[in-house]
Amino acid sequence: MRFTELVQRIPGISQRMLTRTVRHLERDGLLTRTVHPEVPPRVEYELTATGRTLIEPAVKLAEWAVDHNPDIERSQASYDVKHP
């Protein structure tokens, strides 16, 4: 996936934060960065085999967050009343 595609798919992320994040993920071996010798240069990112092992746990975490969002919102509201 190209950098601009990543920016479009991640709402609210700045280019600076995305750049830092993909560099860390590349360093950790979770994605690869390929620069194509074109003008302008085309850079693509792809999950490595290790990175792909995170897909299932990430989906499970997202599902948990959706399922528990009402409880979390109630807890936040209760906390905010007690700690203005």
Protein backbone atom coordinates (compact mmCIF):
# COMPACT_ATOMS: atom_id res chain seq x y z
CA MET A 1 0.00 0.00 0.00
CA ARG A 2 1.27 3.46 -0.80
CA PHE A 3 1.82 6.10 1.89
CA THR A 4 -1.05 8.28 0.63
CA GLU A 5 -3.37 5.27 0.80
CA LEU A 6 -2.38 4.74 4.43
CA VAL A 7 -3.08 8.40 5.24
CA GLN A 8 -6.53 8.10 3.67
CA ARG A 9 -7.37 4.87 5.51
CA ILE A 10 -6.34 6.12 8.96
CA PRO A 11 -8.62 9.03 9.88
CA GLY A 12 -7.01 11.85 11.82
CA ILE A 13 -3.40 10.68 11.59
CA SER A 14 -0.81 13.28 10.66
CA GLN A 15 1.82 12.54 8.04
CA ARG A 16 4.49 13.00 10.70
CA MET A 17 2.92 10.44 13.04
CA LEU A 18 2.34 7.97 10.22
CA THR A 19 5.94 8.34 9.06
CA ARG A 20 7.21 7.66 12.59
CA THR A 21 4.88 4.70 12.99
CA VAL A 22 5.81 2.98 9.73
CA ARG A 23 9.50 3.47 10.50
CA HIS A 24 9.04 1.77 13.87
CA LEU A 25 7.03 -1.06 12.30
CA GLU A 26 9.72 -1.52 9.66
CA ARG A 27 12.41 -1.59 12.35
CA ASP A 28 10.40 -4.18 14.29
CA GLY A 29 10.14 -6.37 11.19
CA LEU A 30 6.39 -6.00 10.88
CA LEU A 31 6.38 -4.33 7.48
CA THR A 32 8.65 -3.78 4.53
CA ARG A 33 9.21 -0.54 2.66
CA THR A 34 9.91 -0.69 -1.07
CA VAL A 35 11.07 2.38 -2.99
CA HIS A 36 10.48 2.18 -6.74
CA PRO A 37 12.95 4.16 -8.88
CA GLU A 38 10.42 6.44 -10.54
CA VAL A 39 9.91 10.18 -10.77
CA PRO A 40 8.42 11.02 -8.39
CA PRO A 41 9.58 8.09 -6.25
CA ARG A 42 6.87 5.57 -5.41
CA VAL A 43 7.07 4.00 -1.96
CA GLU A 44 4.99 1.00 -0.95
CA TYR A 45 4.54 -0.71 2.40
CA GLU A 46 3.59 -4.32 2.98
CA LEU A 47 3.10 -6.45 6.06
CA THR A 48 5.75 -9.10 6.58
CA ALA A 49 4.86 -12.66 7.57
CA THR A 50 5.33 -11.63 11.20
CA GLY A 51 3.20 -8.53 10.68
CA ARG A 52 0.39 -10.62 9.20
CA THR A 53 0.25 -12.66 12.43
CA LEU A 54 -1.09 -9.50 14.12
CA ILE A 55 -4.18 -9.27 11.93
CA GLU A 56 -6.28 -11.79 13.85
CA PRO A 57 -5.46 -10.41 17.34
CA ALA A 58 -6.03 -6.84 16.11
CA VAL A 59 -9.44 -7.78 14.71
CA LYS A 60 -10.33 -9.51 18.00
CA LEU A 61 -9.29 -6.39 19.94
CA ALA A 62 -11.37 -4.17 17.65
CA GLU A 63 -14.39 -6.46 18.09
CA TRP A 64 -13.92 -6.38 21.87
CA ALA A 65 -13.78 -2.57 21.80
CA VAL A 66 -17.01 -2.37 19.80
CA ASP A 67 -18.75 -4.87 22.06
CA HIS A 68 -17.67 -3.08 25.24
CA ASN A 69 -17.98 0.50 24.05
CA PRO A 70 -21.25 1.16 25.92
CA ASP A 71 -19.66 -0.03 29.20
CA ILE A 72 -16.58 2.09 28.57
CA GLU A 73 -18.67 5.19 27.81
CA ARG A 74 -20.69 4.68 31.02
CA SER A 75 -17.48 4.32 33.03
CA GLN A 76 -16.02 7.45 31.46
CA ALA A 77 -19.17 9.46 32.16
CA SER A 78 -19.23 8.25 35.77
CA TYR A 79 -15.56 9.09 36.22
CA ASP A 80 -16.00 12.54 34.67
CA VAL A 81 -18.83 13.36 37.10
CA LYS A 82 -16.64 12.38 40.06
CA HIS A 83 -13.49 14.10 38.74
CA PRO A 84 -14.53 17.33 36.99
